[in-house]
Every structure is written in structure tokens, then in C-alpha cells.
Amino acid sequence: MRTQRRGDTAPELALRSELHGLGLRFRVGVKVPGNARRTIDIAFPKQRVAVFVDGCFWHRCPDHSIPAKNNSDWWATKLEANVARDVETTALLVDQGWQVVRVWEHEDPTEVAASIKKLVRPS
């Protein structure tokens, strides 16, 4: 698992490129207030919007998650802990007044960027 990228994944880069193309400026890798061990993938601190780009395997996408065949009990426990951590992180941010957007890696970055723009710059 050490070789797995934690940030700057292809889906994150694609979304960041789309957001930048829409004229939005953001911060990357911002520490979650109240839990410095966790980071926000894409943050709009002034507007208090946090965007997380979740991988289908690692965060158990309802459309694409496939149970591991090898060492399945260990993987099930690991992935359940990931999902529980996501829920906890979202709750922590919401309690502090942030809007949290969770995006699956398979979602169209152009569509996602447009919806994020509406949150960050409402007309």
C-alpha cells in the first residue's frame, strides 16, 4: 500500500484542472480543522467548501466496489474503516460550518467542477 498515491491522483488532477479553467482558485492538501492527521483534497477556505475525490476501491463506491478475493477479511475491515473515517471527517467539517463535497473518481470532472462552482460562486 506504500506505493499507492495519496494525492495528485489522475482524477484529482483532472478536477483541479477543470476548476482552474473555470477561474476558481483553491488550496490543496489543507489540514482538516480539528484533526491535523487528515487533509482536504481541494479546499476553498473562505467559502468553507471541502472537496474529497474518493477512489472507488478505497472508499467502497456503490457502483464499482468489488470485494477483494485474497485476504478478504482483512480488506473488508480496512475498507470499512476508510468509510467510517470518511463519515467522521465529513461530520467534523459540517459541525464547523463547512460544506463537504464527496466525488467518486469515475465522475465526469467537467460536471463536478460546474457543480462546485455553483457552491463557491453562487449567482
C-alpha atoms as a PDB file:
ATOM      1  CA  MET A   1       0.000   0.000   0.000  1.00  0.00           C
ATOM      2  CA  ARG A   2       3.015   2.247   0.366  1.00  0.00           C
ATOM      3  CA  THR A   3       3.166   2.550  -3.402  1.00  0.00           C
ATOM      4  CA  GLN A   4      -0.415   3.834  -3.664  1.00  0.00           C
ATOM      5  CA  ARG A   5      -0.672   7.537  -4.335  1.00  0.00           C
ATOM      6  CA  ARG A   6      -2.323   9.518  -1.586  1.00  0.00           C
ATOM      7  CA  GLY A   7      -2.658  12.728  -3.530  1.00  0.00           C
ATOM      8  CA  ASP A   8      -2.288  14.139  -7.014  1.00  0.00           C
ATOM      9  CA  THR A   9      -4.141  11.169  -8.489  1.00  0.00           C
ATOM     10  CA  ALA A  10      -5.351  11.413 -12.079  1.00  0.00           C
ATOM     11  CA  PRO A  11      -8.980  12.098 -11.026  1.00  0.00           C
ATOM     12  CA  GLU A  12      -7.831  14.827  -8.602  1.00  0.00           C
ATOM     13  CA  LEU A  13      -5.620  16.451 -11.221  1.00  0.00           C
ATOM     14  CA  ALA A  14      -8.411  16.363 -13.800  1.00  0.00           C
ATOM     15  CA  LEU A  15     -10.858  18.016 -11.399  1.00  0.00           C
ATOM     16  CA  ARG A  16      -8.327  20.625 -10.320  1.00  0.00           C
ATOM     17  CA  SER A  17      -7.628  21.429 -13.965  1.00  0.00           C
ATOM     18  CA  GLU A  18     -11.341  21.905 -14.658  1.00  0.00           C
ATOM     19  CA  LEU A  19     -11.791  24.084 -11.558  1.00  0.00           C
ATOM     20  CA  HIS A  20      -8.801  26.208 -12.533  1.00  0.00           C
ATOM     21  CA  GLY A  21     -10.193  26.528 -16.057  1.00  0.00           C
ATOM     22  CA  LEU A  22     -13.405  27.924 -14.557  1.00  0.00           C
ATOM     23  CA  GLY A  23     -11.365  30.627 -12.841  1.00  0.00           C
ATOM     24  CA  LEU A  24     -11.641  29.104  -9.374  1.00  0.00           C
ATOM     25  CA  ARG A  25      -8.689  29.275  -7.029  1.00  0.00           C
ATOM     26  CA  PHE A  26      -8.311  26.747  -4.260  1.00  0.00           C
ATOM     27  CA  ARG A  27      -5.853  25.166  -1.874  1.00  0.00           C
ATOM     28  CA  VAL A  28      -4.666  21.570  -1.995  1.00  0.00           C
ATOM     29  CA  GLY A  29      -3.915  19.332   0.984  1.00  0.00           C
ATOM     30  CA  VAL A  30      -5.399  21.586   3.652  1.00  0.00           C
ATOM     31  CA  LYS A  31      -5.435  20.046   7.133  1.00  0.00           C
ATOM     32  CA  VAL A  32      -8.908  19.250   8.450  1.00  0.00           C
ATOM     33  CA  PRO A  33      -9.622  21.687  11.300  1.00  0.00           C
ATOM     34  CA  GLY A  34      -9.746  19.673  14.498  1.00  0.00           C
ATOM     35  CA  ASN A  35      -7.821  16.710  13.059  1.00  0.00           C
ATOM     36  CA  ALA A  36      -4.397  17.567  11.675  1.00  0.00           C
ATOM     37  CA  ARG A  37      -3.801  13.973  10.514  1.00  0.00           C
ATOM     38  CA  ARG A  38      -6.462  14.323   7.811  1.00  0.00           C
ATOM     39  CA  THR A  39      -6.363  16.554   4.764  1.00  0.00           C
ATOM     40  CA  ILE A  40      -8.886  18.041   2.382  1.00  0.00           C
ATOM     41  CA  ASP A  41      -8.116  17.202  -1.252  1.00  0.00           C
ATOM     42  CA  ILE A  42      -9.368  20.537  -2.624  1.00  0.00           C
ATOM     43  CA  ALA A  43     -10.345  23.342  -0.262  1.00  0.00           C
ATOM     44  CA  PHE A  44     -11.993  26.709  -0.677  1.00  0.00           C
ATOM     45  CA  PRO A  45     -11.270  28.039   2.837  1.00  0.00           C
ATOM     46  CA  LYS A  46     -13.028  31.417   2.525  1.00  0.00           C
ATOM     47  CA  GLN A  47     -16.242  29.764   1.332  1.00  0.00           C
ATOM     48  CA  ARG A  48     -15.702  26.770   3.649  1.00  0.00           C
ATOM     49  CA  VAL A  49     -16.126  24.219   0.889  1.00  0.00           C
ATOM     50  CA  ALA A  50     -14.161  20.975   1.151  1.00  0.00           C
ATOM     51  CA  VAL A  51     -13.902  18.591  -1.807  1.00  0.00           C
ATOM     52  CA  PHE A  52     -12.766  14.982  -1.480  1.00  0.00           C
ATOM     53  CA  VAL A  53     -12.075  12.828  -4.540  1.00  0.00           C
ATOM     54  CA  ASP A  54     -12.701   9.275  -3.374  1.00  0.00           C
ATOM     55  CA  GLY A  55     -11.310   6.245  -5.163  1.00  0.00           C
ATOM     56  CA  CYS A  56     -13.887   3.588  -5.991  1.00  0.00           C
ATOM     57  CA  PHE A  57     -11.920   0.740  -4.451  1.00  0.00           C
ATOM     58  CA  TRP A  58     -10.603   2.506  -1.364  1.00  0.00           C
ATOM     59  CA  HIS A  59     -13.885   4.145  -0.370  1.00  0.00           C
ATOM     60  CA  ARG A  60     -16.310   1.410  -1.472  1.00  0.00           C
ATOM     61  CA  CYS A  61     -18.117   3.012  -4.382  1.00  0.00           C
ATOM     62  CA  PRO A  62     -21.639   1.542  -4.571  1.00  0.00           C
ATOM     63  CA  ASP A  63     -21.303   1.215  -8.365  1.00  0.00           C
ATOM     64  CA  HIS A  64     -17.762  -0.114  -8.745  1.00  0.00           C
ATOM     65  CA  SER A  65     -16.599  -1.641  -5.480  1.00  0.00           C
ATOM     66  CA  ILE A  66     -15.693  -5.302  -5.805  1.00  0.00           C
ATOM     67  CA  PRO A  67     -14.795  -7.366  -2.738  1.00  0.00           C
ATOM     68  CA  ALA A  68     -11.174  -8.467  -2.627  1.00  0.00           C
ATOM     69  CA  LYS A  69     -10.609 -12.145  -3.376  1.00  0.00           C
ATOM     70  CA  ASN A  70      -7.349 -12.530  -1.468  1.00  0.00           C
ATOM     71  CA  ASN A  71      -7.244 -11.806   2.250  1.00  0.00           C
ATOM     72  CA  SER A  72     -10.878 -10.719   2.047  1.00  0.00           C
ATOM     73  CA  ASP A  73     -11.478 -10.365   5.797  1.00  0.00           C
ATOM     74  CA  TRP A  74      -8.529  -8.018   6.207  1.00  0.00           C
ATOM     75  CA  TRP A  75      -9.577  -5.924   3.208  1.00  0.00           C
ATOM     76  CA  ALA A  76     -13.188  -5.754   4.376  1.00  0.00           C
ATOM     77  CA  THR A  77     -12.057  -4.418   7.752  1.00  0.00           C
ATOM     78  CA  LYS A  78      -9.658  -1.955   6.130  1.00  0.00           C
ATOM     79  CA  LEU A  79     -12.226  -0.574   3.690  1.00  0.00           C
ATOM     80  CA  GLU A  80     -14.940  -0.344   6.372  1.00  0.00           C
ATOM     81  CA  ALA A  81     -12.520   1.723   8.445  1.00  0.00           C
ATOM     82  CA  ASN A  82     -11.923   4.006   5.441  1.00  0.00           C
ATOM     83  CA  VAL A  83     -15.654   4.581   5.018  1.00  0.00           C
ATOM     84  CA  ALA A  84     -16.091   5.201   8.757  1.00  0.00           C
ATOM     85  CA  ARG A  85     -13.221   7.717   8.665  1.00  0.00           C
ATOM     86  CA  ASP A  86     -14.884   9.486   5.716  1.00  0.00           C
ATOM     87  CA  VAL A  87     -18.146   9.780   7.653  1.00  0.00           C
ATOM     88  CA  GLU A  88     -16.307  11.098  10.708  1.00  0.00           C
ATOM     89  CA  THR A  89     -14.319  13.628   8.676  1.00  0.00           C
ATOM     90  CA  THR A  90     -17.459  14.867   6.928  1.00  0.00           C
ATOM     91  CA  ALA A  91     -19.265  15.268  10.266  1.00  0.00           C
ATOM     92  CA  LEU A  92     -16.291  17.116  11.772  1.00  0.00           C
ATOM     93  CA  LEU A  93     -16.239  19.607   8.898  1.00  0.00           C
ATOM     94  CA  VAL A  94     -20.026  20.062   8.782  1.00  0.00           C
ATOM     95  CA  ASP A  95     -20.056  20.755  12.533  1.00  0.00           C
ATOM     96  CA  GLN A  96     -17.596  23.590  11.842  1.00  0.00           C
ATOM     97  CA  GLY A  97     -19.756  25.111   9.118  1.00  0.00           C
ATOM     98  CA  TRP A  98     -18.095  23.605   6.045  1.00  0.00           C
ATOM     99  CA  GLN A  99     -19.922  22.240   3.025  1.00  0.00           C
ATOM    100  CA  VAL A 100     -18.450  18.878   2.074  1.00  0.00           C
ATOM    101  CA  VAL A 101     -18.480  17.552  -1.478  1.00  0.00           C
ATOM    102  CA  ARG A 102     -17.517  13.910  -1.988  1.00  0.00           C
ATOM    103  CA  VAL A 103     -16.765  12.948  -5.567  1.00  0.00           C
ATOM    104  CA  TRP A 104     -16.150   9.459  -6.931  1.00  0.00           C
ATOM    105  CA  GLU A 105     -13.097   9.033  -9.141  1.00  0.00           C
ATOM    106  CA  HIS A 106     -15.293   7.883 -12.047  1.00  0.00           C
ATOM    107  CA  GLU A 107     -17.432  11.038 -12.119  1.00  0.00           C
ATOM    108  CA  ASP A 108     -17.024  13.478 -15.012  1.00  0.00           C
ATOM    109  CA  PRO A 109     -14.673  16.240 -13.810  1.00  0.00           C
ATOM    110  CA  THR A 110     -16.345  18.848 -16.037  1.00  0.00           C
ATOM    111  CA  GLU A 111     -19.764  18.223 -14.480  1.00  0.00           C
ATOM    112  CA  VAL A 112     -18.346  18.060 -10.961  1.00  0.00           C
ATOM    113  CA  ALA A 113     -16.428  21.307 -11.442  1.00  0.00           C
ATOM    114  CA  ALA A 114     -19.588  23.055 -12.634  1.00  0.00           C
ATOM    115  CA  SER A 115     -21.487  21.939  -9.526  1.00  0.00           C
ATOM    116  CA  ILE A 116     -18.634  23.025  -7.255  1.00  0.00           C
ATOM    117  CA  LYS A 117     -18.562  26.433  -8.950  1.00  0.00           C
ATOM    118  CA  LYS A 118     -22.217  26.891  -8.010  1.00  0.00           C
ATOM    119  CA  LEU A 119     -21.325  26.322  -4.352  1.00  0.00           C
ATOM    120  CA  VAL A 120     -18.260  28.532  -4.392  1.00  0.00           C
ATOM    121  CA  ARG A 121     -19.660  31.338  -6.550  1.00  0.00           C
ATOM    122  CA  PRO A 122     -23.453  31.294  -6.313  1.00  0.00           C
ATOM    123  CA  SER A 123     -25.065  33.598  -8.879  1.00  0.00           C
END
